[in-house]
Amino acid sequence: ATGVVALLTLVLLQITLGNIANQPRGDKILNTQPVLLMTGDKILENNMRATHTTHSELTSKLRESGIHSLDEVASVIMESSGKLSVIKSDKPLARELVADVKDAAQIPSHFFRN
């Protein structure tokens, strides 16, 4: 009986959190805001510390993304999921893709579409 109660509690909790996440304000409560970690060749040290991201994690993700030089980087973003997204500088970036990113204003305008 205890196992059934525990299972039902987990199911109800999952349903409740799912419903909260589907509300406009609920998504902001349950999910963290994406954070800019790097723009161009500049690493934002305060944001790295705030997200507990190490330099080795950052450089590893850059290598995985096929980056050969820091001038190939437009930005690196810590997503709400905890994954790192590398945006390359070879194509213009749409501003709406970074509208919800903390400190996106620090991305230089030459990386954006006009």
PDB file of N, CA and C in Angstrom:
ATOM      1  N   ALA A   1       0.817  -1.196   0.000  1.00  0.00           N
ATOM      2  CA  ALA A   1       0.000   0.000   0.000  1.00  0.00           C
ATOM      3  C   ALA A   1       0.859   1.257   0.000  1.00  0.00           C
ATOM      4  N   THR A   2       1.985   1.210   0.710  1.00  0.00           N
ATOM      5  CA  THR A   2       2.870   2.372   0.768  1.00  0.00           C
ATOM      6  C   THR A   2       3.427   2.698  -0.609  1.00  0.00           C
ATOM      7  N   GLY A   3       3.761   1.674  -1.380  1.00  0.00           N
ATOM      8  CA  GLY A   3       4.288   1.878  -2.726  1.00  0.00           C
ATOM      9  C   GLY A   3       3.276   2.536  -3.646  1.00  0.00           C
ATOM     10  N   VAL A   4       2.016   2.150  -3.504  1.00  0.00           N
ATOM     11  CA  VAL A   4       0.948   2.738  -4.331  1.00  0.00           C
ATOM     12  C   VAL A   4       0.767   4.208  -3.991  1.00  0.00           C
ATOM     13  N   VAL A   5       0.800   4.531  -2.706  1.00  0.00           N
ATOM     14  CA  VAL A   5       0.661   5.925  -2.268  1.00  0.00           C
ATOM     15  C   VAL A   5       1.832   6.754  -2.808  1.00  0.00           C
ATOM     16  N   ALA A   6       3.029   6.203  -2.733  1.00  0.00           N
ATOM     17  CA  ALA A   6       4.205   6.919  -3.234  1.00  0.00           C
ATOM     18  C   ALA A   6       4.099   7.137  -4.741  1.00  0.00           C
ATOM     19  N   LEU A   7       3.678   6.124  -5.468  1.00  0.00           N
ATOM     20  CA  LEU A   7       3.526   6.230  -6.912  1.00  0.00           C
ATOM     21  C   LEU A   7       2.467   7.268  -7.281  1.00  0.00           C
ATOM     22  N   LEU A   8       1.329   7.237  -6.613  1.00  0.00           N
ATOM     23  CA  LEU A   8       0.267   8.208  -6.867  1.00  0.00           C
ATOM     24  C   LEU A   8       0.729   9.635  -6.548  1.00  0.00           C
ATOM     25  N   THR A   9       1.500   9.775  -5.484  1.00  0.00           N
ATOM     26  CA  THR A   9       2.030  11.088  -5.118  1.00  0.00           C
ATOM     27  C   THR A   9       2.938  11.618  -6.226  1.00  0.00           C
ATOM     28  N   LEU A  10       3.804  10.770  -6.757  1.00  0.00           N
ATOM     29  CA  LEU A  10       4.702  11.181  -7.844  1.00  0.00           C
ATOM     30  C   LEU A  10       3.920  11.550  -9.103  1.00  0.00           C
ATOM     31  N   VAL A  11       2.906  10.774  -9.427  1.00  0.00           N
ATOM     32  CA  VAL A  11       2.089  11.056 -10.617  1.00  0.00           C
ATOM     33  C   VAL A  11       1.365  12.390 -10.452  1.00  0.00           C
ATOM     34  N   LEU A  12       0.770  12.618  -9.298  1.00  0.00           N
ATOM     35  CA  LEU A  12       0.067  13.880  -9.048  1.00  0.00           C
ATOM     36  C   LEU A  12       1.028  15.066  -9.071  1.00  0.00           C
ATOM     37  N   LEU A  13       2.206  14.884  -8.521  1.00  0.00           N
ATOM     38  CA  LEU A  13       3.213  15.940  -8.536  1.00  0.00           C
ATOM     39  C   LEU A  13       3.632  16.261  -9.970  1.00  0.00           C
ATOM     40  N   GLN A  14       3.828  15.235 -10.774  1.00  0.00           N
ATOM     41  CA  GLN A  14       4.203  15.428 -12.178  1.00  0.00           C
ATOM     42  C   GLN A  14       3.103  16.174 -12.939  1.00  0.00           C
ATOM     43  N   ILE A  15       1.873  15.797 -12.731  1.00  0.00           N
ATOM     44  CA  ILE A  15       0.736  16.454 -13.395  1.00  0.00           C
ATOM     45  C   ILE A  15       0.641  17.912 -12.962  1.00  0.00           C
ATOM     46  N   THR A  16       0.777  18.151 -11.660  1.00  0.00           N
ATOM     47  CA  THR A  16       0.687  19.519 -11.136  1.00  0.00           C
ATOM     48  C   THR A  16       1.794  20.401 -11.696  1.00  0.00           C
ATOM     49  N   LEU A  17       3.039  19.916 -11.661  1.00  0.00           N
ATOM     50  CA  LEU A  17       4.153  20.707 -12.188  1.00  0.00           C
ATOM     51  C   LEU A  17       4.029  20.914 -13.693  1.00  0.00           C
ATOM     52  N   GLY A  18       3.520  19.922 -14.403  1.00  0.00           N
ATOM     53  CA  GLY A  18       3.279  20.064 -15.835  1.00  0.00           C
ATOM     54  C   GLY A  18       2.268  21.153 -16.131  1.00  0.00           C
ATOM     55  N   ASN A  19       1.206  21.187 -15.350  1.00  0.00           N
ATOM     56  CA  ASN A  19       0.185  22.228 -15.525  1.00  0.00           C
ATOM     57  C   ASN A  19       0.729  23.618 -15.193  1.00  0.00           C
ATOM     58  N   ILE A  20       1.542  23.706 -14.149  1.00  0.00           N
ATOM     59  CA  ILE A  20       2.150  24.991 -13.792  1.00  0.00           C
ATOM     60  C   ILE A  20       3.086  25.455 -14.900  1.00  0.00           C
ATOM     61  N   ALA A  21       3.880  24.545 -15.436  1.00  0.00           N
ATOM     62  CA  ALA A  21       4.841  24.895 -16.491  1.00  0.00           C
ATOM     63  C   ALA A  21       4.148  25.382 -17.759  1.00  0.00           C
ATOM     64  N   ASN A  22       2.929  24.935 -17.999  1.00  0.00           N
ATOM     65  CA  ASN A  22       2.200  25.345 -19.201  1.00  0.00           C
ATOM     66  C   ASN A  22       1.555  26.720 -19.070  1.00  0.00           C
ATOM     67  N   GLN A  23       1.567  27.273 -17.880  1.00  0.00           N
ATOM     68  CA  GLN A  23       1.039  28.628 -17.666  1.00  0.00           C
ATOM     69  C   GLN A  23       2.143  29.630 -17.997  1.00  0.00           C
ATOM     70  N   PRO A  24       1.795  30.808 -18.518  1.00  0.00           N
ATOM     71  CA  PRO A  24       2.821  31.796 -18.885  1.00  0.00           C
ATOM     72  C   PRO A  24       3.796  32.136 -17.755  1.00  0.00           C
ATOM     73  N   ARG A  25       3.301  32.353 -16.576  1.00  0.00           N
ATOM     74  CA  ARG A  25       4.176  32.695 -15.451  1.00  0.00           C
ATOM     75  C   ARG A  25       4.812  31.450 -14.834  1.00  0.00           C
ATOM     76  N   GLY A  26       4.176  30.324 -14.994  1.00  0.00           N
ATOM     77  CA  GLY A  26       4.694  29.091 -14.421  1.00  0.00           C
ATOM     78  C   GLY A  26       6.003  28.655 -15.036  1.00  0.00           C
ATOM     79  N   ASP A  27       6.151  28.871 -16.341  1.00  0.00           N
ATOM     80  CA  ASP A  27       7.393  28.506 -17.019  1.00  0.00           C
ATOM     81  C   ASP A  27       8.566  29.275 -16.431  1.00  0.00           C
ATOM     82  N   LYS A  28       8.348  30.555 -16.107  1.00  0.00           N
ATOM     83  CA  LYS A  28       9.418  31.366 -15.530  1.00  0.00           C
ATOM     84  C   LYS A  28       9.764  30.919 -14.108  1.00  0.00           C
ATOM     85  N   ILE A  29       8.775  30.395 -13.398  1.00  0.00           N
ATOM     86  CA  ILE A  29       9.004  29.934 -12.028  1.00  0.00           C
ATOM     87  C   ILE A  29       9.816  28.642 -12.021  1.00  0.00           C
ATOM     88  N   LEU A  30       9.470  27.715 -12.908  1.00  0.00           N
ATOM     89  CA  LEU A  30      10.079  26.387 -12.889  1.00  0.00           C
ATOM     90  C   LEU A  30      11.372  26.281 -13.693  1.00  0.00           C
ATOM     91  N   ASN A  31      11.558  27.137 -14.677  1.00  0.00           N
ATOM     92  CA  ASN A  31      12.733  27.049 -15.538  1.00  0.00           C
ATOM     93  C   ASN A  31      13.614  28.274 -15.371  1.00  0.00           C
ATOM     94  N   THR A  32      14.918  28.043 -15.410  1.00  0.00           N
ATOM     95  CA  THR A  32      15.845  29.154 -15.299  1.00  0.00           C
ATOM     96  C   THR A  32      15.981  29.862 -16.645  1.00  0.00           C
ATOM     97  N   GLN A  33      16.403  31.092 -16.605  1.00  0.00           N
ATOM     98  CA  GLN A  33      16.611  31.883 -17.806  1.00  0.00           C
ATOM     99  C   GLN A  33      17.943  31.464 -18.445  1.00  0.00           C
ATOM    100  N   PRO A  34      17.990  31.337 -19.778  1.00  0.00           N
ATOM    101  CA  PRO A  34      19.270  31.075 -20.437  1.00  0.00           C
ATOM    102  C   PRO A  34      20.243  32.217 -20.139  1.00  0.00           C
ATOM    103  N   VAL A  35      21.533  31.894 -20.064  1.00  0.00           N
ATOM    104  CA  VAL A  35      22.542  32.882 -19.663  1.00  0.00           C
ATOM    105  C   VAL A  35      23.677  32.909 -20.688  1.00  0.00           C
ATOM    106  N   LEU A  36      24.065  34.108 -21.102  1.00  0.00           N
ATOM    107  CA  LEU A  36      25.195  34.289 -22.011  1.00  0.00           C
ATOM    108  C   LEU A  36      26.491  34.042 -21.254  1.00  0.00           C
ATOM    109  N   LEU A  37      27.310  33.120 -21.748  1.00  0.00           N
ATOM    110  CA  LEU A  37      28.589  32.809 -21.110  1.00  0.00           C
ATOM    111  C   LEU A  37      29.776  33.384 -21.876  1.00  0.00           C
ATOM    112  N   MET A  38      29.590  33.551 -23.179  1.00  0.00           N
ATOM    113  CA  MET A  38      30.689  34.027 -24.011  1.00  0.00           C
ATOM    114  C   MET A  38      30.111  34.772 -25.197  1.00  0.00           C
ATOM    115  N   THR A  39      30.760  35.858 -25.575  1.00  0.00           N
ATOM    116  CA  THR A  39      30.370  36.580 -26.776  1.00  0.00           C
ATOM    117  C   THR A  39      31.638  36.947 -27.527  1.00  0.00           C
ATOM    118  N   GLY A  40      31.717  36.524 -28.780  1.00  0.00           N
ATOM    119  CA  GLY A  40      32.972  36.666 -29.510  1.00  0.00           C
ATOM    120  C   GLY A  40      34.042  35.899 -28.765  1.00  0.00           C
ATOM    121  N   ASP A  41      35.184  36.518 -28.550  1.00  0.00           N
ATOM    122  CA  ASP A  41      36.252  35.835 -27.808  1.00  0.00           C
ATOM    123  C   ASP A  41      36.261  36.198 -26.326  1.00  0.00           C
ATOM    124  N   LYS A  42      35.233  36.936 -25.879  1.00  0.00           N
ATOM    125  CA  LYS A  42      35.156  37.395 -24.490  1.00  0.00           C
ATOM    126  C   LYS A  42      34.327  36.431 -23.640  1.00  0.00           C
ATOM    127  N   ILE A  43      34.950  35.896 -22.600  1.00  0.00           N
ATOM    128  CA  ILE A  43      34.263  35.014 -21.656  1.00  0.00           C
ATOM    129  C   ILE A  43      33.704  35.885 -20.526  1.00  0.00           C
ATOM    130  N   LEU A  44      32.432  35.710 -20.232  1.00  0.00           N
ATOM    131  CA  LEU A  44      31.784  36.479 -19.164  1.00  0.00           C
ATOM    132  C   LEU A  44      31.964  35.729 -17.847  1.00  0.00           C
ATOM    133  N   GLU A  45      33.024  36.072 -17.152  1.00  0.00           N
ATOM    134  CA  GLU A  45      33.431  35.336 -15.944  1.00  0.00           C
ATOM    135  C   GLU A  45      32.343  35.325 -14.867  1.00  0.00           C
ATOM    136  N   ASN A  46      31.644  36.436 -14.669  1.00  0.00           N
ATOM    137  CA  ASN A  46      30.585  36.474 -13.649  1.00  0.00           C
ATOM    138  C   ASN A  46      29.483  35.472 -13.970  1.00  0.00           C
ATOM    139  N   ASN A  47      29.112  35.374 -15.247  1.00  0.00           N
ATOM    140  CA  ASN A  47      28.066  34.423 -15.635  1.00  0.00           C
ATOM    141  C   ASN A  47      28.566  32.987 -15.561  1.00  0.00           C
ATOM    142  N   MET A  48      29.850  32.784 -15.839  1.00  0.00           N
ATOM    143  CA  MET A  48      30.431  31.444 -15.700  1.00  0.00           C
ATOM    144  C   MET A  48      30.334  30.997 -14.239  1.00  0.00           C
ATOM    145  N   ARG A  49      30.685  31.891 -13.318  1.00  0.00           N
ATOM    146  CA  ARG A  49      30.610  31.554 -11.885  1.00  0.00           C
ATOM    147  C   ARG A  49      29.162  31.321 -11.453  1.00  0.00           C
ATOM    148  N   ALA A  50      28.264  32.189 -11.919  1.00  0.00           N
ATOM    149  CA  ALA A  50      26.857  32.084 -11.519  1.00  0.00           C
ATOM    150  C   ALA A  50      26.224  30.783 -11.985  1.00  0.00           C
ATOM    151  N   THR A  51      26.676  30.263 -13.127  1.00  0.00           N
ATOM    152  CA  THR A  51      26.118  29.013 -13.656  1.00  0.00           C
ATOM    153  C   THR A  51      26.973  27.798 -13.305  1.00  0.00           C
ATOM    154  N   HIS A  52      28.033  28.022 -12.536  1.00  0.00           N
ATOM    155  CA  HIS A  52      28.937  26.945 -12.111  1.00  0.00           C
ATOM    156  C   HIS A  52      29.508  26.197 -13.317  1.00  0.00           C
ATOM    157  N   THR A  53      29.875  26.954 -14.343  1.00  0.00           N
ATOM    158  CA  THR A  53      30.456  26.381 -15.549  1.00  0.00           C
ATOM    159  C   THR A  53      31.963  26.593 -15.505  1.00  0.00           C
ATOM    160  N   THR A  54      32.711  25.541 -15.766  1.00  0.00           N
ATOM    161  CA  THR A  54      34.166  25.651 -15.751  1.00  0.00           C
ATOM    162  C   THR A  54      34.694  25.975 -17.151  1.00  0.00           C
ATOM    163  N   HIS A  55      35.910  26.478 -17.178  1.00  0.00           N
ATOM    164  CA  HIS A  55      36.540  26.774 -18.463  1.00  0.00           C
ATOM    165  C   HIS A  55      36.746  25.499 -19.278  1.00  0.00           C
ATOM    166  N   SER A  56      37.026  24.396 -18.601  1.00  0.00           N
ATOM    167  CA  SER A  56      37.216  23.139 -19.335  1.00  0.00           C
ATOM    168  C   SER A  56      35.898  22.670 -19.970  1.00  0.00           C
ATOM    169  N   GLU A  57      34.767  22.885 -19.297  1.00  0.00           N
ATOM    170  CA  GLU A  57      33.465  22.549 -19.901  1.00  0.00           C
ATOM    171  C   GLU A  57      33.206  23.414 -21.129  1.00  0.00           C
ATOM    172  N   LEU A  58      33.536  24.693 -21.010  1.00  0.00           N
ATOM    173  CA  LEU A  58      33.325  25.625 -22.114  1.00  0.00           C
ATOM    174  C   LEU A  58      34.194  25.252 -23.316  1.00  0.00           C
ATOM    175  N   THR A  59      35.490  25.060 -23.090  1.00  0.00           N
ATOM    176  CA  THR A  59      36.374  24.739 -24.211  1.00  0.00           C
ATOM    177  C   THR A  59      36.053  23.376 -24.810  1.00  0.00           C
ATOM    178  N   SER A  60      35.619  22.448 -23.980  1.00  0.00           N
ATOM    179  CA  SER A  60      35.202  21.137 -24.493  1.00  0.00           C
ATOM    180  C   SER A  60      34.034  21.281 -25.449  1.00  0.00           C
ATOM    181  N   LYS A  61      33.033  22.091 -25.072  1.00  0.00           N
ATOM    182  CA  LYS A  61      31.861  22.297 -25.928  1.00  0.00           C
ATOM    183  C   LYS A  61      32.248  23.029 -27.215  1.00  0.00           C
ATOM    184  N   LEU A  62      33.189  23.957 -27.126  1.00  0.00           N
ATOM    185  CA  LEU A  62      33.659  24.644 -28.331  1.00  0.00           C
ATOM    186  C   LEU A  62      34.298  23.643 -29.300  1.00  0.00           C
ATOM    187  N   ARG A  63      35.126  22.755 -28.776  1.00  0.00           N
ATOM    188  CA  ARG A  63      35.748  21.732 -29.634  1.00  0.00           C
ATOM    189  C   ARG A  63      34.705  20.805 -30.236  1.00  0.00           C
ATOM    190  N   GLU A  64      33.737  20.372 -29.407  1.00  0.00           N
ATOM    191  CA  GLU A  64      32.667  19.494 -29.902  1.00  0.00           C
ATOM    192  C   GLU A  64      31.870  20.155 -31.017  1.00  0.00           C
ATOM    193  N   SER A  65      31.789  21.479 -30.981  1.00  0.00           N
ATOM    194  CA  SER A  65      31.012  22.229 -31.965  1.00  0.00           C
ATOM    195  C   SER A  65      31.823  22.573 -33.215  1.00  0.00           C
ATOM    196  N   GLY A  66      33.040  22.085 -33.272  1.00  0.00           N
ATOM    197  CA  GLY A  66      33.867  22.311 -34.453  1.00  0.00           C
ATOM    198  C   GLY A  66      34.532  23.673 -34.499  1.00  0.00           C
ATOM    199  N   ILE A  67      34.666  24.322 -33.355  1.00  0.00           N
ATOM    200  CA  ILE A  67      35.321  25.626 -33.296  1.00  0.00           C
ATOM    201  C   ILE A  67      36.831  25.414 -33.300  1.00  0.00           C
ATOM    202  N   HIS A  68      37.516  26.085 -34.225  1.00  0.00           N
ATOM    203  CA  HIS A  68      38.970  25.979 -34.324  1.00  0.00           C
ATOM    204  C   HIS A  68      39.674  27.218 -33.782  1.00  0.00           C
ATOM    205  N   SER A  69      38.926  28.325 -33.690  1.00  0.00           N
ATOM    206  CA  SER A  69      39.481  29.586 -33.223  1.00  0.00           C
ATOM    207  C   SER A  69      38.353  30.381 -32.565  1.00  0.00           C
ATOM    208  N   LEU A  70      38.699  31.157 -31.536  1.00  0.00           N
ATOM    209  CA  LEU A  70      37.672  31.912 -30.820  1.00  0.00           C
ATOM    210  C   LEU A  70      36.983  32.950 -31.695  1.00  0.00           C
ATOM    211  N   ASP A  71      37.609  33.361 -32.800  1.00  0.00           N
ATOM    212  CA  ASP A  71      36.949  34.332 -33.671  1.00  0.00           C
ATOM    213  C   ASP A  71      35.810  33.702 -34.482  1.00  0.00           C
ATOM    214  N   GLU A  72      35.629  32.395 -34.354  1.00  0.00           N
ATOM    215  CA  GLU A  72      34.506  31.705 -34.997  1.00  0.00           C
ATOM    216  C   GLU A  72      33.251  31.713 -34.124  1.00  0.00           C
ATOM    217  N   VAL A  73      33.359  32.245 -32.902  1.00  0.00           N
ATOM    218  CA  VAL A  73      32.266  32.206 -31.930  1.00  0.00           C
ATOM    219  C   VAL A  73      31.511  33.530 -31.914  1.00  0.00           C
ATOM    220  N   ALA A  74      30.187  33.468 -32.095  1.00  0.00           N
ATOM    221  CA  ALA A  74      29.344  34.649 -31.870  1.00  0.00           C
ATOM    222  C   ALA A  74      28.944  34.670 -30.406  1.00  0.00           C
ATOM    223  N   SER A  75      28.499  33.515 -29.885  1.00  0.00           N
ATOM    224  CA  SER A  75      28.131  33.439 -28.475  1.00  0.00           C
ATOM    225  C   SER A  75      28.049  31.994 -28.015  1.00  0.00           C
ATOM    226  N   VAL A  76      28.130  31.838 -26.707  1.00  0.00           N
ATOM    227  CA  VAL A  76      27.876  30.555 -26.054  1.00  0.00           C
ATOM    228  C   VAL A  76      26.850  30.842 -24.963  1.00  0.00           C
ATOM    229  N   ILE A  77      25.797  30.030 -24.955  1.00  0.00           N
ATOM    230  CA  ILE A  77      24.682  30.242 -24.035  1.00  0.00           C
ATOM    231  C   ILE A  77      24.450  28.991 -23.196  1.00  0.00           C
ATOM    232  N   MET A  78      24.308  29.188 -21.886  1.00  0.00           N
ATOM    233  CA  MET A  78      23.867  28.106 -21.008  1.00  0.00           C
ATOM    234  C   MET A  78      22.346  28.106 -21.082  1.00  0.00           C
ATOM    235  N   GLU A  79      21.793  27.039 -21.642  1.00  0.00           N
ATOM    236  CA  GLU A  79      20.351  26.934 -21.820  1.00  0.00           C
ATOM    237  C   GLU A  79      19.667  26.577 -20.503  1.00  0.00           C
ATOM    238  N   SER A  80      18.360  26.733 -20.471  1.00  0.00           N
ATOM    239  CA  SER A  80      17.571  26.378 -19.285  1.00  0.00           C
ATOM    240  C   SER A  80      17.752  24.917 -18.909  1.00  0.00           C
ATOM    241  N   SER A  81      18.033  24.089 -19.888  1.00  0.00           N
ATOM    242  CA  SER A  81      18.219  22.650 -19.660  1.00  0.00           C
ATOM    243  C   SER A  81      19.576  22.324 -19.047  1.00  0.00           C
ATOM    244  N   GLY A  82      20.489  23.308 -19.033  1.00  0.00           N
ATOM    245  CA  GLY A  82      21.834  23.077 -18.524  1.00  0.00           C
ATOM    246  C   GLY A  82      22.831  22.775 -19.629  1.00  0.00           C
ATOM    247  N   LYS A  83      22.370  22.644 -20.854  1.00  0.00           N
ATOM    248  CA  LYS A  83      23.264  22.376 -21.981  1.00  0.00           C
ATOM    249  C   LYS A  83      23.835  23.681 -22.505  1.00  0.00           C
ATOM    250  N   LEU A  84      25.021  23.586 -23.107  1.00  0.00           N
ATOM    251  CA  LEU A  84      25.651  24.751 -23.712  1.00  0.00           C
ATOM    252  C   LEU A  84      25.338  24.782 -25.203  1.00  0.00           C
ATOM    253  N   SER A  85      24.943  25.949 -25.698  1.00  0.00           N
ATOM    254  CA  SER A  85      24.715  26.158 -27.128  1.00  0.00           C
ATOM    255  C   SER A  85      25.796  27.082 -27.653  1.00  0.00           C
ATOM    256  N   VAL A  86      26.442  26.652 -28.725  1.00  0.00           N
ATOM    257  CA  VAL A  86      27.469  27.466 -29.371  1.00  0.00           C
ATOM    258  C   VAL A  86      26.880  28.022 -30.654  1.00  0.00           C
ATOM    259  N   ILE A  87      26.891  29.341 -30.781  1.00  0.00           N
ATOM    260  CA  ILE A  87      26.403  30.002 -31.990  1.00  0.00           C
ATOM    261  C   ILE A  87      27.626  30.541 -32.717  1.00  0.00           C
ATOM    262  N   LYS A  88      27.811  30.059 -33.931  1.00  0.00           N
ATOM    263  CA  LYS A  88      28.983  30.440 -34.711  1.00  0.00           C
ATOM    264  C   LYS A  88      28.789  31.811 -35.350  1.00  0.00           C
ATOM    265  N   SER A  89      29.901  32.462 -35.613  1.00  0.00           N
ATOM    266  CA  SER A  89      29.869  33.820 -36.150  1.00  0.00           C
ATOM    267  C   SER A  89      29.756  33.872 -37.667  1.00  0.00           C
ATOM    268  N   ASP A  90      29.740  32.729 -38.347  1.00  0.00           N
ATOM    269  CA  ASP A  90      29.746  32.738 -39.814  1.00  0.00           C
ATOM    270  C   ASP A  90      28.404  33.100 -40.442  1.00  0.00           C
ATOM    271  N   LYS A  91      27.334  33.061 -39.661  1.00  0.00           N
ATOM    272  CA  LYS A  91      26.011  33.432 -40.167  1.00  0.00           C
ATOM    273  C   LYS A  91      25.383  34.435 -39.213  1.00  0.00           C
ATOM    274  N   PRO A  92      24.651  35.424 -39.749  1.00  0.00           N
ATOM    275  CA  PRO A  92      24.002  36.421 -38.883  1.00  0.00           C
ATOM    276  C   PRO A  92      22.963  35.775 -37.961  1.00  0.00           C
ATOM    277  N   LEU A  93      22.880  36.290 -36.763  1.00  0.00           N
ATOM    278  CA  LEU A  93      21.988  35.784 -35.723  1.00  0.00           C
ATOM    279  C   LEU A  93      20.714  36.620 -35.680  1.00  0.00           C
ATOM    280  N   ALA A  94      19.575  35.967 -35.560  1.00  0.00           N
ATOM    281  CA  ALA A  94      18.294  36.680 -35.403  1.00  0.00           C
ATOM    282  C   ALA A  94      18.141  37.081 -33.934  1.00  0.00           C
ATOM    283  N   ARG A  95      17.861  38.346 -33.699  1.00  0.00           N
ATOM    284  CA  ARG A  95      17.751  38.856 -32.320  1.00  0.00           C
ATOM    285  C   ARG A  95      16.702  38.111 -31.491  1.00  0.00           C
ATOM    286  N   GLU A  96      15.610  37.685 -32.131  1.00  0.00           N
ATOM    287  CA  GLU A  96      14.556  37.004 -31.372  1.00  0.00           C
ATOM    288  C   GLU A  96      15.023  35.673 -30.774  1.00  0.00           C
ATOM    289  N   LEU A  97      16.093  35.101 -31.320  1.00  0.00           N
ATOM    290  CA  LEU A  97      16.601  33.848 -30.765  1.00  0.00           C
ATOM    291  C   LEU A  97      17.309  34.035 -29.424  1.00  0.00           C
ATOM    292  N   VAL A  98      17.719  35.259 -29.128  1.00  0.00           N
ATOM    293  CA  VAL A  98      18.395  35.514 -27.856  1.00  0.00           C
ATOM    294  C   VAL A  98      17.629  36.515 -26.987  1.00  0.00           C
ATOM    295  N   ALA A  99      16.377  36.776 -27.336  1.00  0.00           N
ATOM    296  CA  ALA A  99      15.583  37.769 -26.609  1.00  0.00           C
ATOM    297  C   ALA A  99      15.423  37.418 -25.128  1.00  0.00           C
ATOM    298  N   ASP A 100      15.386  36.131 -24.795  1.00  0.00           N
ATOM    299  CA  ASP A 100      15.186  35.719 -23.403  1.00  0.00           C
ATOM    300  C   ASP A 100      16.486  35.408 -22.665  1.00  0.00           C
ATOM    301  N   VAL A 101      17.622  35.637 -23.305  1.00  0.00           N
ATOM    302  CA  VAL A 101      18.922  35.284 -22.733  1.00  0.00           C
ATOM    303  C   VAL A 101      19.441  36.422 -21.853  1.00  0.00           C
ATOM    304  N   LYS A 102      19.829  36.065 -20.634  1.00  0.00           N
ATOM    305  CA  LYS A 102      20.399  37.052 -19.705  1.00  0.00           C
ATOM    306  C   LYS A 102      21.708  37.584 -20.285  1.00  0.00           C
ATOM    307  N   ASP A 103      21.834  38.901 -20.324  1.00  0.00           N
ATOM    308  CA  ASP A 103      23.015  39.613 -20.828  1.00  0.00           C
ATOM    309  C   ASP A 103      23.200  39.533 -22.337  1.00  0.00           C
ATOM    310  N   ALA A 104      22.152  39.196 -23.074  1.00  0.00           N
ATOM    311  CA  ALA A 104      22.248  39.151 -24.539  1.00  0.00           C
ATOM    312  C   ALA A 104      22.603  40.514 -25.120  1.00  0.00           C
ATOM    313  N   ALA A 105      22.337  41.580 -24.389  1.00  0.00           N
ATOM    314  CA  ALA A 105      22.674  42.923 -24.861  1.00  0.00           C
ATOM    315  C   ALA A 105      24.182  43.094 -25.043  1.00  0.00           C
ATOM    316  N   GLN A 106      24.968  42.206 -24.456  1.00  0.00           N
ATOM    317  CA  GLN A 106      26.420  42.283 -24.593  1.00  0.00           C
ATOM    318  C   GLN A 106      26.923  41.690 -25.910  1.00  0.00           C
ATOM    319  N   ILE A 107      26.052  41.028 -26.657  1.00  0.00           N
ATOM    320  CA  ILE A 107      26.464  40.480 -27.953  1.00  0.00           C
ATOM    321  C   ILE A 107      26.599  41.648 -28.926  1.00  0.00           C
ATOM    322  N   PRO A 108      27.781  41.818 -29.527  1.00  0.00           N
ATOM    323  CA  PRO A 108      27.976  42.941 -30.464  1.00  0.00           C
ATOM    324  C   PRO A 108      27.013  42.895 -31.640  1.00  0.00           C
ATOM    325  N   SER A 109      26.611  44.073 -32.087  1.00  0.00           N
ATOM    326  CA  SER A 109      25.600  44.182 -33.142  1.00  0.00           C
ATOM    327  C   SER A 109      26.030  43.552 -34.462  1.00  0.00           C
ATOM    328  N   HIS A 110      27.344  43.459 -34.720  1.00  0.00           N
ATOM    329  CA  HIS A 110      27.766  42.886 -36.009  1.00  0.00           C
ATOM    330  C   HIS A 110      27.471  41.385 -36.124  1.00  0.00           C
ATOM    331  N   PHE A 111      27.112  40.736 -35.027  1.00  0.00           N
ATOM    332  CA  PHE A 111      26.729  39.328 -35.086  1.00  0.00           C
ATOM    333  C   PHE A 111      25.261  39.141 -35.481  1.00  0.00           C
ATOM    334  N   PHE A 112      24.485  40.224 -35.489  1.00  0.00           N
ATOM    335  CA  PHE A 112      23.053  40.135 -35.750  1.00  0.00           C
ATOM    336  C   PHE A 112      22.709  40.481 -37.183  1.00  0.00           C
ATOM    337  N   ARG A 113      21.559  39.938 -37.603  1.00  0.00           N
ATOM    338  CA  ARG A 113      20.958  40.319 -38.875  1.00  0.00           C
ATOM    339  C   ARG A 113      20.480  41.745 -38.776  1.00  0.00           C
ATOM    340  N   ASN A 114      20.559  42.470 -39.847  1.00  0.00           N
ATOM    341  CA  ASN A 114      20.061  43.861 -39.849  1.00  0.00           C
ATOM    342  C   ASN A 114      18.578  43.931 -39.942  1.00  0.00           C
TER     343      ASN A 114
END
